[in-house]
Amino acid sequence: MIAAREVPRESRKAVLARDASRRRVRRSRLRGYTMLGRMVAVLAVVFICTISYVMLMANLTSLNYALGRESATRLGLLDETTRLDDQIAHLRSRERLADVAAKLGMHDPQTFAVVELPRPVASPPPGGIAFLGALFHR
C-alpha cells in the first residue's frame, strides 16, 4: 500500500498571484476580440439603418402608387358624375316632358279642384312612468 502524503498548503500570496496571472491571460485573450466586437457592432448599426431606409422607401413608393390609383379613380368618378348630371338635366327638361306628355295624350287641365284636408289632432304627451305611460294616461 501507498502511504498518503500530505500536500503542502499554498500561501495566500501564491493563490492571489496565480489568480492574477489567470486574469491577465484571460484579459489578453479577450483583448484580441474587442476590435472584432466593435466592428460587428458598427456593421450591425449600419445594417439596421440601411434596412430601415429601404423599408421606408418601399413604403413611400407603395403609397405613391396607391395615390395614383386613387387619383385615377377620382377622375373617373368625376367624369361619371358629370355625365349622369347631364343625363338627369336632359330627363328633367321641360321640352322632353312636354313631348312625352303629348305622346301619352295628356293636356293641361281645364278645371282645377281644391281639396281641403282636416287638420291632424295633436295628442298630449303621455305622462307617468315611461314604459307604463300609455296605461296611466287614459
Protein backbone atom coordinates (compact mmCIF):
# COMPACT_ATOMS: atom_id res chain seq x y z
CA MET A 1 0.00 0.00 0.00
CA ILE A 2 1.00 3.50 -0.70
CA ALA A 3 1.17 5.84 2.18
CA ALA A 4 -0.84 9.04 1.98
CA ARG A 5 1.21 12.13 1.60
CA GLU A 6 0.27 15.46 2.87
CA VAL A 7 0.02 18.10 0.18
CA PRO A 8 1.60 21.35 1.27
CA ARG A 9 -0.88 24.17 1.53
CA GLU A 10 -0.23 27.18 -0.64
CA SER A 11 0.11 30.55 0.90
CA ARG A 12 -2.47 33.26 0.33
CA LYS A 13 0.00 35.30 -1.69
CA ALA A 14 0.63 32.40 -4.05
CA VAL A 15 -3.14 31.92 -4.62
CA LEU A 16 -3.60 35.63 -5.31
CA ALA A 17 -0.64 35.66 -7.69
CA ARG A 18 -1.95 32.63 -9.56
CA ASP A 19 -5.45 34.20 -9.87
CA ALA A 20 -3.95 37.47 -11.07
CA SER A 21 -1.94 35.58 -13.68
CA ARG A 22 -5.07 33.77 -14.90
CA ARG A 23 -6.95 37.08 -15.11
CA ARG A 24 -4.14 38.64 -17.16
CA VAL A 25 -4.14 35.70 -19.57
CA ARG A 26 -7.91 35.81 -19.93
CA ARG A 27 -7.87 39.60 -20.45
CA SER A 28 -5.14 39.39 -23.06
CA ARG A 29 -7.09 36.65 -24.86
CA LEU A 30 -10.30 38.73 -24.85
CA ARG A 31 -8.39 41.84 -25.96
CA GLY A 32 -7.94 40.24 -29.37
CA TYR A 33 -11.71 40.03 -29.81
CA THR A 34 -12.57 43.59 -28.79
CA MET A 35 -11.77 45.06 -32.20
CA LEU A 36 -13.83 42.34 -33.87
CA GLY A 37 -16.71 43.05 -31.49
CA ARG A 38 -16.56 46.77 -32.24
CA MET A 39 -16.54 46.13 -35.99
CA VAL A 40 -19.53 43.79 -35.69
CA ALA A 41 -21.41 46.38 -33.62
CA VAL A 42 -20.71 49.16 -36.15
CA LEU A 43 -21.71 46.91 -39.05
CA ALA A 44 -24.92 45.94 -37.23
CA VAL A 45 -25.83 49.61 -36.70
CA VAL A 46 -25.12 50.41 -40.36
CA PHE A 47 -27.11 47.37 -41.48
CA ILE A 48 -30.11 48.31 -39.32
CA CYS A 49 -30.02 51.90 -40.61
CA THR A 50 -29.82 50.69 -44.22
CA ILE A 51 -32.67 48.21 -43.81
CA SER A 52 -34.81 50.91 -42.12
CA TYR A 53 -34.14 53.30 -45.02
CA VAL A 54 -35.04 50.66 -47.61
CA MET A 55 -38.26 49.79 -45.76
CA LEU A 56 -39.26 53.46 -45.56
CA MET A 57 -38.58 53.99 -49.27
CA ALA A 58 -40.59 50.87 -50.16
CA ASN A 59 -43.49 52.15 -48.05
CA LEU A 60 -43.25 55.58 -49.69
CA THR A 61 -43.27 54.01 -53.15
CA SER A 62 -46.34 51.90 -52.36
CA LEU A 63 -48.11 54.99 -51.02
CA ASN A 64 -47.29 56.87 -54.23
CA TYR A 65 -48.77 54.07 -56.33
CA ALA A 66 -51.88 53.98 -54.13
CA LEU A 67 -52.23 57.76 -54.50
CA GLY A 68 -52.00 57.44 -58.30
CA ARG A 69 -54.67 54.74 -58.34
CA GLU A 70 -56.98 56.79 -56.14
CA SER A 71 -56.45 59.89 -58.28
CA ALA A 72 -57.36 57.94 -61.41
CA THR A 73 -60.45 56.52 -59.67
CA ARG A 74 -61.45 60.02 -58.54
CA LEU A 75 -61.14 61.40 -62.07
CA GLY A 76 -63.24 58.53 -63.41
CA LEU A 77 -65.91 59.16 -60.78
CA LEU A 78 -65.94 62.88 -61.55
CA ASP A 79 -66.42 62.15 -65.26
CA GLU A 80 -69.23 59.72 -64.47
CA THR A 81 -70.88 62.25 -62.13
CA THR A 82 -70.75 64.91 -64.84
CA ARG A 83 -72.24 62.50 -67.38
CA LEU A 84 -75.03 61.48 -65.00
CA ASP A 85 -75.79 65.11 -64.12
CA ASP A 86 -76.15 65.87 -67.84
CA GLN A 87 -78.43 62.87 -68.26
CA ILE A 88 -80.60 63.98 -65.30
CA ALA A 89 -80.82 67.50 -66.71
CA HIS A 90 -81.90 66.08 -70.09
CA LEU A 91 -84.54 63.82 -68.49
CA ARG A 92 -85.96 66.72 -66.43
CA SER A 93 -86.04 69.21 -69.27
CA ARG A 94 -89.45 70.80 -69.95
CA GLU A 95 -89.24 70.14 -73.69
CA ARG A 96 -88.73 66.41 -73.20
CA LEU A 97 -91.51 66.19 -70.61
CA ALA A 98 -93.87 68.09 -72.99
CA ASP A 99 -93.05 65.61 -75.80
CA VAL A 100 -93.68 62.60 -73.53
CA ALA A 101 -96.98 64.10 -72.31
CA ALA A 102 -98.08 64.76 -75.91
CA LYS A 103 -97.27 61.15 -76.88
CA LEU A 104 -99.38 59.91 -73.96
CA GLY A 105 -102.28 62.20 -74.88
CA MET A 106 -102.04 64.37 -71.79
CA HIS A 107 -103.10 68.04 -71.82
CA ASP A 108 -103.36 70.95 -69.43
CA PRO A 109 -106.37 70.74 -67.08
CA GLN A 110 -109.46 72.84 -67.88
CA THR A 111 -110.76 73.00 -64.32
CA PHE A 112 -108.92 72.90 -61.03
CA ALA A 113 -110.18 71.23 -57.87
CA VAL A 114 -109.03 72.30 -54.41
CA VAL A 115 -109.32 69.64 -51.73
CA GLU A 116 -109.16 70.64 -48.09
CA LEU A 117 -107.84 68.06 -45.67
CA PRO A 118 -108.77 68.04 -41.96
CA ARG A 119 -106.05 69.18 -39.59
CA PRO A 120 -104.36 66.42 -37.61
CA VAL A 121 -105.31 66.19 -33.95
CA ALA A 122 -102.36 66.51 -31.64
CA SER A 123 -102.42 64.10 -28.73
CA PRO A 124 -100.95 65.23 -25.39
CA PRO A 125 -97.67 63.61 -24.46
CA PRO A 126 -98.02 60.52 -22.28
CA GLY A 127 -97.32 61.06 -18.59
CA GLY A 128 -96.31 58.75 -15.80
CA ILE A 129 -93.50 56.25 -15.90
CA ALA A 130 -92.00 55.99 -19.36
CA PHE A 131 -92.78 52.36 -20.14
CA LEU A 132 -96.16 52.47 -18.39
CA GLY A 133 -97.08 55.97 -19.66
CA ALA A 134 -99.73 54.73 -22.08
CA LEU A 135 -101.54 52.82 -19.28
CA PHE A 136 -101.64 55.76 -16.85
CA HIS A 137 -102.56 58.33 -19.49
CA ARG A 138 -106.10 57.01 -20.07
